[in-house]
C-alpha cells in the first residue's frame, strides 16, 4: 500500500486515524487518502513530487498567451453614455 505522511495542516483525525503528530506515516489506499491529499493534510511519500515549474514548451505557450492584450468589451463612447445609452 502507498505511504503518506501527515502535515501540519491536519486536524485531530486524518483518514479515520488519530493524528499523533506531524510526519507520522500512514499506509492507506489511494481511495482512503484522496480527500486528505486534496486538503493538504497528507503528502504522498512513494510518488515523486510534482513539478512546480512547467516544462519549457508549456512555458513558451503560456508567455505567448499572456502577451496578448485583453479584449475590449465596451467602446469609449458606450462608457461615456452610461447604462441607458443617452448622450
N, C-alpha and C. Protein backbone atom coordinates (compact mmCIF):
# COMPACT_ATOMS: atom_id res chain seq x y z
N UNK A 1 0.84 -1.19 0.00
CA UNK A 1 0.00 0.00 0.00
C UNK A 1 0.89 1.25 0.00
N UNK A 2 0.42 2.31 -0.64
CA UNK A 2 1.18 3.56 -0.65
C UNK A 2 1.30 4.16 0.76
N UNK A 3 2.36 4.90 0.97
CA UNK A 3 2.61 5.53 2.27
C UNK A 3 2.41 7.03 2.18
N UNK A 4 1.88 7.61 3.24
CA UNK A 4 1.59 9.04 3.30
C UNK A 4 2.05 9.59 4.65
N UNK A 5 2.52 10.84 4.65
CA UNK A 5 2.94 11.49 5.89
C UNK A 5 1.95 12.60 6.24
N UNK A 6 1.68 12.75 7.51
CA UNK A 6 0.76 13.78 7.99
C UNK A 6 1.47 15.12 8.00
N UNK A 7 0.78 16.18 7.57
CA UNK A 7 1.35 17.53 7.54
C UNK A 7 0.83 18.35 8.72
N UNK A 8 1.32 19.57 8.84
CA UNK A 8 0.89 20.46 9.91
C UNK A 8 -0.53 20.98 9.70
N UNK A 9 -1.09 20.81 8.52
CA UNK A 9 -2.46 21.26 8.23
C UNK A 9 -3.51 20.29 8.75
N UNK A 10 -3.10 19.11 9.16
CA UNK A 10 -4.03 18.06 9.56
C UNK A 10 -4.73 18.40 10.88
N UNK A 11 -5.95 17.89 11.00
CA UNK A 11 -6.71 18.05 12.23
C UNK A 11 -6.43 16.91 13.18
N UNK A 12 -7.37 16.65 14.10
CA UNK A 12 -7.18 15.61 15.10
C UNK A 12 -7.24 14.21 14.50
N UNK A 13 -8.02 14.05 13.44
CA UNK A 13 -8.13 12.76 12.77
C UNK A 13 -7.82 12.94 11.29
N UNK A 14 -7.07 12.00 10.74
CA UNK A 14 -6.70 12.03 9.33
C UNK A 14 -7.05 10.67 8.74
N UNK A 15 -7.96 10.65 7.79
CA UNK A 15 -8.39 9.42 7.13
C UNK A 15 -8.77 8.36 8.16
N UNK A 16 -9.55 8.77 9.15
CA UNK A 16 -10.06 7.90 10.22
C UNK A 16 -8.97 7.38 11.15
N UNK A 17 -7.81 8.01 11.17
CA UNK A 17 -6.73 7.66 12.09
C UNK A 17 -6.44 8.86 12.98
N UNK A 18 -6.17 8.60 14.26
CA UNK A 18 -5.82 9.69 15.18
C UNK A 18 -4.48 10.28 14.78
N UNK A 19 -4.43 11.61 14.72
CA UNK A 19 -3.21 12.32 14.38
C UNK A 19 -2.33 12.39 15.63
N UNK A 20 -1.21 11.68 15.61
CA UNK A 20 -0.30 11.71 16.76
C UNK A 20 0.88 12.64 16.53
N UNK A 21 0.93 13.30 15.40
CA UNK A 21 1.99 14.28 15.17
C UNK A 21 2.38 14.41 13.71
N UNK A 22 2.96 15.56 13.41
CA UNK A 22 3.41 15.85 12.05
C UNK A 22 4.50 14.86 11.68
N UNK A 23 4.41 14.31 10.48
CA UNK A 23 5.41 13.37 9.99
C UNK A 23 5.04 11.92 10.22
N UNK A 24 3.97 11.67 10.97
CA UNK A 24 3.55 10.29 11.19
C UNK A 24 3.22 9.66 9.84
N UNK A 25 3.66 8.44 9.61
CA UNK A 25 3.46 7.77 8.33
C UNK A 25 2.26 6.84 8.43
N UNK A 26 1.37 6.94 7.46
CA UNK A 26 0.20 6.07 7.37
C UNK A 26 0.26 5.29 6.07
N UNK A 27 -0.13 4.04 6.13
CA UNK A 27 -0.27 3.23 4.92
C UNK A 27 -1.75 3.16 4.59
N UNK A 28 -2.14 3.82 3.49
CA UNK A 28 -3.53 3.93 3.10
C UNK A 28 -3.69 3.56 1.63
N UNK A 29 -4.90 3.20 1.25
CA UNK A 29 -5.18 3.02 -0.17
C UNK A 29 -5.30 4.41 -0.79
N UNK A 30 -5.23 4.47 -2.10
CA UNK A 30 -5.37 5.76 -2.79
C UNK A 30 -6.74 6.37 -2.52
N UNK A 31 -7.75 5.52 -2.45
CA UNK A 31 -9.11 6.00 -2.19
C UNK A 31 -9.21 6.59 -0.78
N UNK A 32 -8.58 5.97 0.21
CA UNK A 32 -8.62 6.47 1.57
C UNK A 32 -7.90 7.81 1.69
N UNK A 33 -6.83 8.00 0.96
CA UNK A 33 -6.01 9.20 1.07
C UNK A 33 -6.46 10.33 0.17
N UNK A 34 -7.33 10.07 -0.78
CA UNK A 34 -7.71 11.03 -1.82
C UNK A 34 -8.15 12.39 -1.24
N UNK A 35 -9.10 12.37 -0.33
CA UNK A 35 -9.65 13.62 0.22
C UNK A 35 -8.60 14.37 1.06
N UNK A 36 -7.87 13.65 1.87
CA UNK A 36 -6.86 14.29 2.73
C UNK A 36 -5.73 14.89 1.91
N UNK A 37 -5.41 14.27 0.77
CA UNK A 37 -4.40 14.85 -0.12
C UNK A 37 -4.88 16.18 -0.68
N UNK A 38 -6.17 16.23 -1.07
CA UNK A 38 -6.73 17.49 -1.59
C UNK A 38 -6.70 18.59 -0.53
N UNK A 39 -6.95 18.22 0.72
CA UNK A 39 -6.95 19.19 1.81
C UNK A 39 -5.54 19.64 2.19
N UNK A 40 -4.56 18.83 1.86
CA UNK A 40 -3.19 19.14 2.25
C UNK A 40 -2.82 18.54 3.59
N UNK A 41 -3.67 17.68 4.15
CA UNK A 41 -3.40 17.03 5.43
C UNK A 41 -2.37 15.92 5.29
N UNK A 42 -2.22 15.38 4.09
CA UNK A 42 -1.27 14.31 3.82
C UNK A 42 -0.40 14.66 2.63
N UNK A 43 0.79 14.11 2.61
CA UNK A 43 1.65 14.17 1.43
C UNK A 43 2.07 12.74 1.09
N UNK A 44 2.12 12.43 -0.18
CA UNK A 44 2.50 11.09 -0.62
C UNK A 44 4.01 10.92 -0.50
N UNK A 45 4.43 9.81 0.05
CA UNK A 45 5.86 9.54 0.20
C UNK A 45 6.40 8.67 -0.93
N UNK A 46 5.56 7.86 -1.53
CA UNK A 46 6.00 6.91 -2.55
C UNK A 46 6.02 7.47 -3.96
N UNK A 47 5.47 8.66 -4.17
CA UNK A 47 5.43 9.24 -5.51
C UNK A 47 6.36 10.44 -5.56
N UNK A 48 6.98 10.69 -6.71
CA UNK A 48 7.85 11.86 -6.83
C UNK A 48 7.02 13.14 -6.77
N UNK A 49 7.55 14.23 -6.21
CA UNK A 49 6.80 15.48 -6.15
C UNK A 49 6.52 16.03 -7.54
N UNK A 50 5.39 16.71 -7.68
CA UNK A 50 5.03 17.30 -8.97
C UNK A 50 5.93 18.48 -9.27
N UNK A 51 6.14 18.73 -10.55
CA UNK A 51 6.97 19.86 -10.95
C UNK A 51 6.26 21.17 -10.67
N UNK A 52 6.94 22.08 -10.00
CA UNK A 52 6.33 23.38 -9.75
C UNK A 52 6.57 24.33 -10.92
N UNK A 53 7.59 24.04 -11.73
CA UNK A 53 7.89 24.85 -12.91
C UNK A 53 7.43 24.08 -14.13
N UNK A 54 6.64 24.70 -15.01
CA UNK A 54 6.19 23.97 -16.20
C UNK A 54 7.35 23.67 -17.14
N UNK A 55 7.24 22.61 -17.94
CA UNK A 55 8.29 22.32 -18.91
C UNK A 55 8.47 23.48 -19.88
N UNK A 56 9.64 23.61 -20.52
CA UNK A 56 9.91 24.76 -21.39
C UNK A 56 8.88 24.95 -22.50
N UNK A 57 8.37 23.88 -23.09
CA UNK A 57 7.40 24.03 -24.18
C UNK A 57 6.12 24.67 -23.65
N UNK A 58 5.67 24.26 -22.47
CA UNK A 58 4.46 24.84 -21.89
C UNK A 58 4.70 26.28 -21.46
N UNK A 59 5.89 26.58 -20.97
CA UNK A 59 6.20 27.94 -20.53
C UNK A 59 6.15 28.91 -21.70
N UNK A 60 6.63 28.49 -22.88
CA UNK A 60 6.61 29.35 -24.06
C UNK A 60 5.17 29.63 -24.49
N UNK A 61 4.31 28.62 -24.43
CA UNK A 61 2.90 28.83 -24.79
C UNK A 61 2.22 29.77 -23.82
N UNK A 62 2.52 29.62 -22.54
CA UNK A 62 1.91 30.46 -21.52
C UNK A 62 2.32 31.92 -21.70
N UNK A 63 3.59 32.18 -21.94
CA UNK A 63 4.04 33.55 -22.09
C UNK A 63 3.46 34.17 -23.36
N UNK A 64 3.28 33.39 -24.41
CA UNK A 64 2.68 33.92 -25.64
C UNK A 64 1.23 34.31 -25.40
N UNK A 65 0.52 33.53 -24.61
CA UNK A 65 -0.88 33.84 -24.30
C UNK A 65 -0.97 35.06 -23.39
N UNK A 66 -0.04 35.17 -22.44
CA UNK A 66 -0.07 36.30 -21.52
C UNK A 66 0.29 37.61 -22.21
N UNK A 67 1.05 37.54 -23.32
CA UNK A 67 1.49 38.74 -24.01
C UNK A 67 0.35 39.42 -24.78
N UNK A 68 -0.71 38.67 -25.07
CA UNK A 68 -1.84 39.25 -25.81
C UNK A 68 -2.59 40.24 -24.92
N UNK A 69 -2.99 41.38 -25.49
CA UNK A 69 -3.77 42.33 -24.68
C UNK A 69 -5.18 41.78 -24.43
N UNK A 70 -5.80 42.17 -23.34
CA UNK A 70 -7.15 41.68 -23.06
C UNK A 70 -8.14 42.25 -24.07
N UNK A 71 -9.20 41.51 -24.40
CA UNK A 71 -10.17 42.01 -25.37
C UNK A 71 -10.94 43.21 -24.82
N UNK A 72 -11.25 44.13 -25.70
CA UNK A 72 -12.01 45.31 -25.31
C UNK A 72 -13.49 44.96 -25.42
N UNK A 73 -14.22 45.16 -24.34
CA UNK A 73 -15.63 44.77 -24.33
C UNK A 73 -16.56 45.96 -24.58
N UNK A 74 -16.14 47.16 -24.26
CA UNK A 74 -17.00 48.33 -24.46
C UNK A 74 -16.20 49.44 -25.14
N UNK A 75 -16.84 50.17 -26.01
CA UNK A 75 -16.18 51.29 -26.67
C UNK A 75 -16.18 52.48 -25.72
N UNK A 76 -15.27 53.44 -25.91
CA UNK A 76 -15.25 54.62 -25.04
C UNK A 76 -16.56 55.41 -25.09
N UNK A 77 -17.22 55.43 -26.26
CA UNK A 77 -18.49 56.15 -26.36
C UNK A 77 -19.55 55.50 -25.48
N UNK A 78 -19.58 54.19 -25.48
CA UNK A 78 -20.57 53.48 -24.66
C UNK A 78 -20.30 53.72 -23.18
N UNK A 79 -19.05 53.84 -22.79
CA UNK A 79 -18.73 54.10 -21.40
C UNK A 79 -19.17 55.49 -20.99
N UNK A 80 -19.07 56.46 -21.90
CA UNK A 80 -19.47 57.83 -21.57
C UNK A 80 -20.97 57.94 -21.44
N UNK A 81 -21.71 57.21 -22.25
CA UNK A 81 -23.17 57.32 -22.25
C UNK A 81 -23.79 56.74 -21.01
N UNK A 82 -23.16 55.75 -20.39
CA UNK A 82 -23.72 55.17 -19.18
C UNK A 82 -24.64 54.00 -19.50
N UNK A 83 -25.51 53.68 -18.56
CA UNK A 83 -26.33 52.48 -18.69
C UNK A 83 -27.46 52.64 -19.68
N UNK A 84 -28.04 53.81 -19.78
CA UNK A 84 -29.24 53.97 -20.62
C UNK A 84 -28.89 54.33 -22.07
N UNK A 85 -27.66 54.69 -22.35
CA UNK A 85 -27.27 54.99 -23.70
C UNK A 85 -27.58 56.42 -24.14
N UNK A 86 -27.91 57.30 -23.21
CA UNK A 86 -28.18 58.69 -23.58
C UNK A 86 -26.87 59.44 -23.70
N UNK A 87 -26.77 60.38 -24.66
CA UNK A 87 -25.52 61.14 -24.81
C UNK A 87 -25.32 62.15 -23.72
